[in-house]
Amino acid sequence: MKRKKESVYQKTEKLLRAYLALKDHVSDENEYMEMIFKGKSKSITSWSKTPGEFHEDEALHARFDSLQRSRADLRRIEKAISKPDVVPYMPVVEAAYFYIPDDGHRPTNEDVAQRLHMDPRTVSRHRRSAVERISVHLFGSDALT
């Protein structure tokens, strides 16, 4: 049972760490799609008729599908971190997952504690509580088992 919870916890942390990069990716892909579709039909429907032949529209379709999944993930994360039971923990979440220091390393609980003028144990408790709550919003009852 605990293994499942840890897995969901780890997935949540992975999503939180990827949040800023995901936002950048969606923004960049939105710009790309706007550029591509200028002057083209908004539908991505043409496919190669020859099996195994690479067709530009197939690659564009795959890229568009990937963008749709990324947008959905971004919406899920943003919705989860804006929930009232998570909001009180957001300073710790932002400092632990959304802030990247100049050295490029992920901040430790001690780094976050120093940045927020908190005790490292409080940071650890707030971080765990936040990730557990966000996990439930992202993964539903799978986060409870």
N, C-alpha and C. Protein backbone atom coordinates (compact mmCIF):
# COMPACT_ATOMS: atom_id res chain seq x y z
N MET A 1 0.82 -1.20 0.00
CA MET A 1 0.00 0.00 0.00
C MET A 1 0.86 1.26 0.00
N LYS A 2 1.84 1.32 0.89
CA LYS A 2 2.67 2.51 1.00
C LYS A 2 3.42 2.78 -0.30
N ARG A 3 3.82 1.73 -0.99
CA ARG A 3 4.55 1.89 -2.25
C ARG A 3 3.72 2.67 -3.26
N LYS A 4 2.43 2.40 -3.35
CA LYS A 4 1.54 3.11 -4.28
C LYS A 4 1.49 4.59 -3.92
N LYS A 5 1.36 4.90 -2.64
CA LYS A 5 1.30 6.30 -2.21
C LYS A 5 2.60 7.01 -2.54
N GLU A 6 3.72 6.36 -2.30
CA GLU A 6 5.01 6.97 -2.63
C GLU A 6 5.12 7.23 -4.13
N SER A 7 4.60 6.33 -4.92
CA SER A 7 4.65 6.48 -6.36
C SER A 7 3.84 7.71 -6.80
N VAL A 8 2.66 7.88 -6.24
CA VAL A 8 1.84 9.05 -6.56
C VAL A 8 2.52 10.31 -6.04
N TYR A 9 3.10 10.23 -4.86
CA TYR A 9 3.83 11.36 -4.28
C TYR A 9 4.97 11.76 -5.21
N GLN A 10 5.72 10.78 -5.68
CA GLN A 10 6.84 11.06 -6.58
C GLN A 10 6.36 11.64 -7.91
N LYS A 11 5.26 11.13 -8.43
CA LYS A 11 4.70 11.69 -9.66
C LYS A 11 4.29 13.15 -9.47
N THR A 12 3.71 13.43 -8.31
CA THR A 12 3.30 14.81 -8.01
C THR A 12 4.52 15.72 -7.94
N GLU A 13 5.55 15.27 -7.25
CA GLU A 13 6.76 16.07 -7.19
C GLU A 13 7.36 16.28 -8.58
N LYS A 14 7.33 15.26 -9.39
CA LYS A 14 7.85 15.37 -10.76
C LYS A 14 7.07 16.42 -11.55
N LEU A 15 5.74 16.40 -11.42
CA LEU A 15 4.91 17.40 -12.10
C LEU A 15 5.19 18.81 -11.58
N LEU A 16 5.35 18.94 -10.27
CA LEU A 16 5.64 20.26 -9.70
C LEU A 16 7.00 20.78 -10.18
N ARG A 17 7.99 19.90 -10.23
CA ARG A 17 9.32 20.32 -10.71
C ARG A 17 9.28 20.70 -12.19
N ALA A 18 8.40 20.07 -12.94
CA ALA A 18 8.32 20.33 -14.38
C ALA A 18 7.40 21.50 -14.72
N TYR A 19 6.71 22.04 -13.74
CA TYR A 19 5.69 23.06 -13.97
C TYR A 19 6.19 24.24 -14.80
N LEU A 20 7.29 24.86 -14.40
CA LEU A 20 7.78 26.04 -15.12
C LEU A 20 8.20 25.70 -16.54
N ALA A 21 8.87 24.57 -16.71
CA ALA A 21 9.28 24.14 -18.06
C ALA A 21 8.05 23.83 -18.90
N LEU A 22 7.04 23.25 -18.30
CA LEU A 22 5.80 22.94 -19.01
C LEU A 22 5.10 24.22 -19.46
N LYS A 23 5.08 25.23 -18.59
CA LYS A 23 4.50 26.52 -18.97
C LYS A 23 5.24 27.12 -20.16
N ASP A 24 6.57 27.08 -20.12
CA ASP A 24 7.36 27.60 -21.24
C ASP A 24 7.10 26.81 -22.51
N HIS A 25 7.03 25.49 -22.38
CA HIS A 25 6.79 24.62 -23.53
C HIS A 25 5.44 24.95 -24.18
N VAL A 26 4.41 25.06 -23.37
CA VAL A 26 3.07 25.36 -23.90
C VAL A 26 3.07 26.72 -24.59
N SER A 27 3.71 27.69 -23.98
CA SER A 27 3.77 29.03 -24.58
C SER A 27 4.50 28.98 -25.93
N ASP A 28 5.64 28.31 -25.95
CA ASP A 28 6.41 28.20 -27.20
C ASP A 28 5.63 27.45 -28.28
N GLU A 29 4.98 26.36 -27.89
CA GLU A 29 4.22 25.56 -28.86
C GLU A 29 3.00 26.33 -29.36
N ASN A 30 2.37 27.10 -28.48
CA ASN A 30 1.23 27.93 -28.92
C ASN A 30 1.69 28.92 -29.99
N GLU A 31 2.84 29.56 -29.77
CA GLU A 31 3.39 30.48 -30.76
C GLU A 31 3.69 29.76 -32.07
N TYR A 32 4.28 28.58 -31.97
CA TYR A 32 4.61 27.80 -33.17
C TYR A 32 3.35 27.44 -33.94
N MET A 33 2.33 26.97 -33.22
CA MET A 33 1.08 26.58 -33.89
C MET A 33 0.41 27.79 -34.56
N GLU A 34 0.45 28.92 -33.88
CA GLU A 34 -0.11 30.14 -34.50
C GLU A 34 0.62 30.45 -35.80
N MET A 35 1.93 30.35 -35.79
CA MET A 35 2.72 30.64 -36.97
C MET A 35 2.41 29.63 -38.09
N ILE A 36 2.33 28.37 -37.74
CA ILE A 36 2.07 27.32 -38.73
C ILE A 36 0.68 27.48 -39.34
N PHE A 37 -0.31 27.79 -38.50
CA PHE A 37 -1.68 27.84 -38.99
C PHE A 37 -2.06 29.16 -39.64
N LYS A 38 -1.17 30.13 -39.59
CA LYS A 38 -1.46 31.38 -40.30
C LYS A 38 -1.55 31.06 -41.78
N GLY A 39 -2.68 31.31 -42.35
CA GLY A 39 -2.86 31.05 -43.77
C GLY A 39 -3.21 29.61 -44.10
N LYS A 40 -3.23 28.72 -43.08
CA LYS A 40 -3.62 27.33 -43.31
C LYS A 40 -4.95 27.06 -42.64
N SER A 41 -5.56 25.99 -43.03
CA SER A 41 -6.77 25.55 -42.36
C SER A 41 -6.44 25.21 -40.91
N LYS A 42 -7.36 25.42 -40.01
CA LYS A 42 -7.14 25.13 -38.59
C LYS A 42 -7.22 23.63 -38.30
N SER A 43 -7.58 22.83 -39.27
CA SER A 43 -7.72 21.41 -39.06
C SER A 43 -6.46 20.67 -39.50
N ILE A 44 -6.08 19.68 -38.75
CA ILE A 44 -4.93 18.86 -39.11
C ILE A 44 -5.49 17.51 -39.54
N THR A 45 -5.75 17.36 -40.82
CA THR A 45 -6.45 16.15 -41.23
C THR A 45 -5.78 15.39 -42.36
N SER A 46 -4.81 15.94 -43.07
CA SER A 46 -4.26 15.19 -44.19
C SER A 46 -3.22 14.20 -43.70
N TRP A 47 -3.26 13.01 -44.28
CA TRP A 47 -2.37 11.94 -43.89
C TRP A 47 -1.70 11.35 -45.12
N SER A 48 -0.57 10.74 -44.91
CA SER A 48 0.15 10.08 -46.00
C SER A 48 -0.63 8.86 -46.45
N LYS A 49 -0.70 8.64 -47.76
CA LYS A 49 -1.42 7.48 -48.29
C LYS A 49 -0.50 6.29 -48.44
N THR A 50 0.80 6.52 -48.45
CA THR A 50 1.76 5.44 -48.61
C THR A 50 2.22 4.97 -47.24
N PRO A 51 2.05 3.67 -46.93
CA PRO A 51 2.47 3.17 -45.62
C PRO A 51 3.98 3.39 -45.42
N GLY A 52 4.34 3.85 -44.23
CA GLY A 52 5.74 4.04 -43.90
C GLY A 52 6.32 5.35 -44.41
N GLU A 53 5.60 6.07 -45.25
CA GLU A 53 6.09 7.34 -45.77
C GLU A 53 5.87 8.43 -44.73
N PHE A 54 6.92 9.19 -44.48
CA PHE A 54 6.81 10.28 -43.53
C PHE A 54 6.09 11.43 -44.21
N HIS A 55 5.14 11.97 -43.53
CA HIS A 55 4.38 13.09 -44.07
C HIS A 55 4.41 14.21 -43.05
N GLU A 56 4.66 15.42 -43.50
CA GLU A 56 4.78 16.57 -42.60
C GLU A 56 3.55 16.76 -41.73
N ASP A 57 2.37 16.52 -42.29
CA ASP A 57 1.14 16.69 -41.52
C ASP A 57 1.03 15.69 -40.37
N GLU A 58 1.62 14.50 -40.56
CA GLU A 58 1.60 13.51 -39.48
C GLU A 58 2.42 14.02 -38.29
N ALA A 59 3.59 14.58 -38.58
CA ALA A 59 4.45 15.12 -37.52
C ALA A 59 3.75 16.30 -36.84
N LEU A 60 3.11 17.13 -37.64
CA LEU A 60 2.38 18.26 -37.08
C LEU A 60 1.22 17.79 -36.20
N HIS A 61 0.54 16.76 -36.65
CA HIS A 61 -0.58 16.19 -35.88
C HIS A 61 -0.06 15.65 -34.54
N ALA A 62 1.06 14.94 -34.57
CA ALA A 62 1.64 14.39 -33.33
C ALA A 62 2.06 15.53 -32.40
N ARG A 63 2.63 16.57 -32.97
CA ARG A 63 3.06 17.71 -32.16
C ARG A 63 1.86 18.42 -31.54
N PHE A 64 0.78 18.54 -32.31
CA PHE A 64 -0.44 19.17 -31.81
C PHE A 64 -1.05 18.32 -30.68
N ASP A 65 -1.08 17.00 -30.86
CA ASP A 65 -1.58 16.11 -29.81
C ASP A 65 -0.76 16.25 -28.53
N SER A 66 0.57 16.34 -28.68
CA SER A 66 1.45 16.52 -27.53
C SER A 66 1.15 17.84 -26.83
N LEU A 67 0.93 18.88 -27.61
CA LEU A 67 0.58 20.19 -27.05
C LEU A 67 -0.72 20.10 -26.26
N GLN A 68 -1.70 19.39 -26.79
CA GLN A 68 -2.98 19.24 -26.09
C GLN A 68 -2.79 18.55 -24.75
N ARG A 69 -1.95 17.49 -24.72
CA ARG A 69 -1.68 16.79 -23.46
C ARG A 69 -0.96 17.71 -22.48
N SER A 70 -0.01 18.48 -22.98
CA SER A 70 0.73 19.41 -22.12
C SER A 70 -0.18 20.48 -21.55
N ARG A 71 -1.07 21.00 -22.39
CA ARG A 71 -2.04 22.00 -21.91
C ARG A 71 -2.91 21.41 -20.80
N ALA A 72 -3.37 20.18 -21.01
CA ALA A 72 -4.24 19.53 -20.02
C ALA A 72 -3.48 19.33 -18.70
N ASP A 73 -2.22 18.89 -18.78
CA ASP A 73 -1.42 18.71 -17.57
C ASP A 73 -1.21 20.04 -16.86
N LEU A 74 -0.93 21.08 -17.62
CA LEU A 74 -0.72 22.40 -17.04
C LEU A 74 -1.99 22.88 -16.33
N ARG A 75 -3.15 22.69 -16.96
CA ARG A 75 -4.41 23.08 -16.33
C ARG A 75 -4.65 22.30 -15.05
N ARG A 76 -4.35 21.00 -15.07
CA ARG A 76 -4.54 20.16 -13.88
C ARG A 76 -3.66 20.65 -12.73
N ILE A 77 -2.40 20.96 -13.03
CA ILE A 77 -1.48 21.43 -11.99
C ILE A 77 -1.96 22.77 -11.45
N GLU A 78 -2.30 23.69 -12.34
CA GLU A 78 -2.73 25.03 -11.91
C GLU A 78 -4.02 24.96 -11.09
N LYS A 79 -4.91 24.08 -11.47
CA LYS A 79 -6.15 23.93 -10.71
C LYS A 79 -5.84 23.36 -9.32
N ALA A 80 -4.95 22.38 -9.26
CA ALA A 80 -4.61 21.74 -7.98
C ALA A 80 -3.92 22.71 -7.03
N ILE A 81 -2.99 23.52 -7.55
CA ILE A 81 -2.25 24.42 -6.64
C ILE A 81 -3.06 25.65 -6.24
N SER A 82 -4.20 25.83 -6.88
CA SER A 82 -5.05 26.97 -6.49
C SER A 82 -6.17 26.57 -5.54
N LYS A 83 -6.24 25.31 -5.17
CA LYS A 83 -7.28 24.85 -4.24
C LYS A 83 -7.06 25.45 -2.85
N PRO A 84 -8.15 25.78 -2.15
CA PRO A 84 -8.03 26.43 -0.84
C PRO A 84 -7.21 25.65 0.18
N ASP A 85 -7.22 24.31 0.11
CA ASP A 85 -6.44 23.54 1.09
C ASP A 85 -4.95 23.52 0.77
N VAL A 86 -4.57 23.98 -0.42
CA VAL A 86 -3.17 24.00 -0.83
C VAL A 86 -2.58 25.40 -0.71
N VAL A 87 -3.40 26.42 -0.92
CA VAL A 87 -2.93 27.81 -0.96
C VAL A 87 -2.05 28.19 0.24
N PRO A 88 -2.39 27.80 1.47
CA PRO A 88 -1.53 28.19 2.60
C PRO A 88 -0.09 27.66 2.49
N TYR A 89 0.10 26.59 1.74
CA TYR A 89 1.42 25.98 1.60
C TYR A 89 2.18 26.47 0.37
N MET A 90 1.57 27.34 -0.42
CA MET A 90 2.18 27.75 -1.68
C MET A 90 3.53 28.44 -1.55
N PRO A 91 3.79 29.24 -0.52
CA PRO A 91 5.15 29.80 -0.43
C PRO A 91 6.23 28.71 -0.40
N VAL A 92 5.96 27.63 0.33
CA VAL A 92 6.93 26.53 0.39
C VAL A 92 6.98 25.80 -0.95
N VAL A 93 5.83 25.56 -1.56
CA VAL A 93 5.80 24.88 -2.87
C VAL A 93 6.57 25.70 -3.90
N GLU A 94 6.31 26.99 -3.94
CA GLU A 94 6.99 27.85 -4.91
C GLU A 94 8.50 27.86 -4.68
N ALA A 95 8.91 27.99 -3.42
CA ALA A 95 10.34 28.04 -3.12
C ALA A 95 11.02 26.69 -3.37
N ALA A 96 10.29 25.60 -3.13
CA ALA A 96 10.89 24.26 -3.27
C ALA A 96 10.86 23.74 -4.70
N TYR A 97 9.81 24.07 -5.45
CA TYR A 97 9.64 23.47 -6.78
C TYR A 97 9.71 24.46 -7.94
N PHE A 98 9.35 25.71 -7.71
CA PHE A 98 9.28 26.66 -8.82
C PHE A 98 10.45 27.62 -8.87
N TYR A 99 11.25 27.66 -7.81
CA TYR A 99 12.40 28.56 -7.77
C TYR A 99 13.65 27.76 -8.09
N ILE A 100 14.43 28.26 -9.06
CA ILE A 100 15.68 27.60 -9.40
C ILE A 100 16.80 28.61 -9.16
N PRO A 101 17.66 28.32 -8.19
CA PRO A 101 18.76 29.25 -7.90
C PRO A 101 19.74 29.34 -9.07
N ASP A 102 20.61 30.32 -9.00
CA ASP A 102 21.58 30.54 -10.07
C ASP A 102 22.48 29.34 -10.31
N ASP A 103 22.73 28.53 -9.28
CA ASP A 103 23.61 27.38 -9.46
C ASP A 103 22.90 26.22 -10.15
N GLY A 104 21.58 26.33 -10.36
CA GLY A 104 20.82 25.31 -11.09
C GLY A 104 20.42 24.10 -10.29
N HIS A 105 20.82 24.03 -9.02
CA HIS A 105 20.45 22.89 -8.17
C HIS A 105 19.09 23.12 -7.52
N ARG A 106 18.38 22.02 -7.29
CA ARG A 106 17.10 22.14 -6.58
C ARG A 106 17.35 22.57 -5.15
N PRO A 107 16.50 23.45 -4.65
CA PRO A 107 16.69 23.89 -3.26
C PRO A 107 16.37 22.77 -2.27
N THR A 108 17.17 22.67 -1.23
CA THR A 108 16.91 21.72 -0.15
C THR A 108 15.91 22.36 0.81
N ASN A 109 15.42 21.57 1.76
CA ASN A 109 14.53 22.13 2.78
C ASN A 109 15.24 23.24 3.56
N GLU A 110 16.55 23.08 3.79
CA GLU A 110 17.32 24.09 4.50
C GLU A 110 17.38 25.39 3.68
N ASP A 111 17.57 25.25 2.36
CA ASP A 111 17.59 26.43 1.47
C ASP A 111 16.24 27.16 1.52
N VAL A 112 15.17 26.37 1.43
CA VAL A 112 13.82 26.95 1.46
C VAL A 112 13.57 27.62 2.81
N ALA A 113 13.98 26.96 3.88
CA ALA A 113 13.80 27.51 5.23
C ALA A 113 14.51 28.86 5.36
N GLN A 114 15.72 28.92 4.86
CA GLN A 114 16.49 30.16 4.94
C GLN A 114 15.82 31.25 4.10
N ARG A 115 15.37 30.89 2.92
CA ARG A 115 14.73 31.85 2.02
C ARG A 115 13.43 32.41 2.62
N LEU A 116 12.66 31.53 3.29
CA LEU A 116 11.36 31.93 3.84
C LEU A 116 11.41 32.28 5.32
N HIS A 117 12.60 32.22 5.92
CA HIS A 117 12.76 32.52 7.34
C HIS A 117 11.88 31.60 8.19
N MET A 118 12.03 30.31 7.93
CA MET A 118 11.26 29.28 8.65
C MET A 118 12.23 28.24 9.18
N ASP A 119 11.74 27.42 10.07
CA ASP A 119 12.51 26.28 10.55
C ASP A 119 12.49 25.19 9.46
N PRO A 120 13.62 24.51 9.21
CA PRO A 120 13.64 23.46 8.19
C PRO A 120 12.63 22.34 8.43
N ARG A 121 12.34 22.03 9.69
CA ARG A 121 11.34 20.99 9.98
C ARG A 121 9.94 21.46 9.57
N THR A 122 9.67 22.75 9.76
CA THR A 122 8.37 23.30 9.33
C THR A 122 8.27 23.23 7.81
N VAL A 123 9.35 23.57 7.14
CA VAL A 123 9.37 23.48 5.67
C VAL A 123 9.10 22.05 5.24
N SER A 124 9.74 21.10 5.88
CA SER A 124 9.55 19.69 5.54
C SER A 124 8.09 19.26 5.73
N ARG A 125 7.50 19.65 6.85
CA ARG A 125 6.09 19.30 7.11
C ARG A 125 5.16 19.98 6.10
N HIS A 126 5.39 21.25 5.83
CA HIS A 126 4.53 21.98 4.87
C HIS A 126 4.67 21.40 3.46
N ARG A 127 5.89 21.06 3.11
CA ARG A 127 6.13 20.49 1.77
C ARG A 127 5.39 19.16 1.62
N ARG A 128 5.53 18.30 2.62
CA ARG A 128 4.85 17.00 2.57
C ARG A 128 3.33 17.18 2.54
N SER A 129 2.82 18.05 3.38
CA SER A 129 1.37 18.29 3.40
C SER A 129 0.89 18.82 2.06
N ALA A 130 1.63 19.75 1.50
CA ALA A 130 1.24 20.33 0.21
C ALA A 130 1.23 19.27 -0.89
N VAL A 131 2.29 18.48 -0.96
CA VAL A 131 2.37 17.47 -2.02
C VAL A 131 1.29 16.41 -1.84
N GLU A 132 1.00 16.03 -0.61
CA GLU A 132 -0.07 15.06 -0.38
C GLU A 132 -1.43 15.62 -0.81
N ARG A 133 -1.69 16.87 -0.50
CA ARG A 133 -2.97 17.49 -0.90
C ARG A 133 -3.04 17.66 -2.41
N ILE A 134 -1.96 18.12 -3.00
CA ILE A 134 -1.93 18.29 -4.47
C ILE A 134 -2.10 16.93 -5.15
N SER A 135 -1.50 15.89 -4.57
CA SER A 135 -1.63 14.53 -5.13
C SER A 135 -3.09 14.11 -5.22
N VAL A 136 -3.85 14.41 -4.19
CA VAL A 136 -5.27 14.04 -4.20
C VAL A 136 -6.00 14.79 -5.30
N HIS A 137 -5.69 16.07 -5.46
CA HIS A 137 -6.34 16.86 -6.52
C HIS A 137 -5.94 16.38 -7.91
N LEU A 138 -4.71 15.90 -8.05
CA LEU A 138 -4.25 15.44 -9.36
C LEU A 138 -4.66 14.00 -9.67
N PHE A 139 -4.58 13.11 -8.66
CA PHE A 139 -4.75 11.68 -8.90
C PHE A 139 -5.96 11.07 -8.21
N GLY A 140 -6.72 11.87 -7.50
CA GLY A 140 -7.93 11.36 -6.87
C GLY A 140 -7.63 10.34 -5.79
N SER A 141 -8.48 9.34 -5.70
CA SER A 141 -8.35 8.36 -4.61
C SER A 141 -7.11 7.49 -4.74
N ASP A 142 -6.47 7.47 -5.90
CA ASP A 142 -5.20 6.74 -6.03
C ASP A 142 -4.14 7.29 -5.08
N ALA A 143 -4.25 8.56 -4.72
CA ALA A 143 -3.29 9.18 -3.81
C ALA A 143 -3.54 8.77 -2.37
N LEU A 144 -4.68 8.17 -2.09
CA LEU A 144 -5.04 7.82 -0.72
C LEU A 144 -4.64 6.40 -0.37
N THR A 145 -4.31 5.59 -1.33
CA THR A 145 -4.00 4.19 -1.05
C THR A 145 -2.52 3.96 -0.86
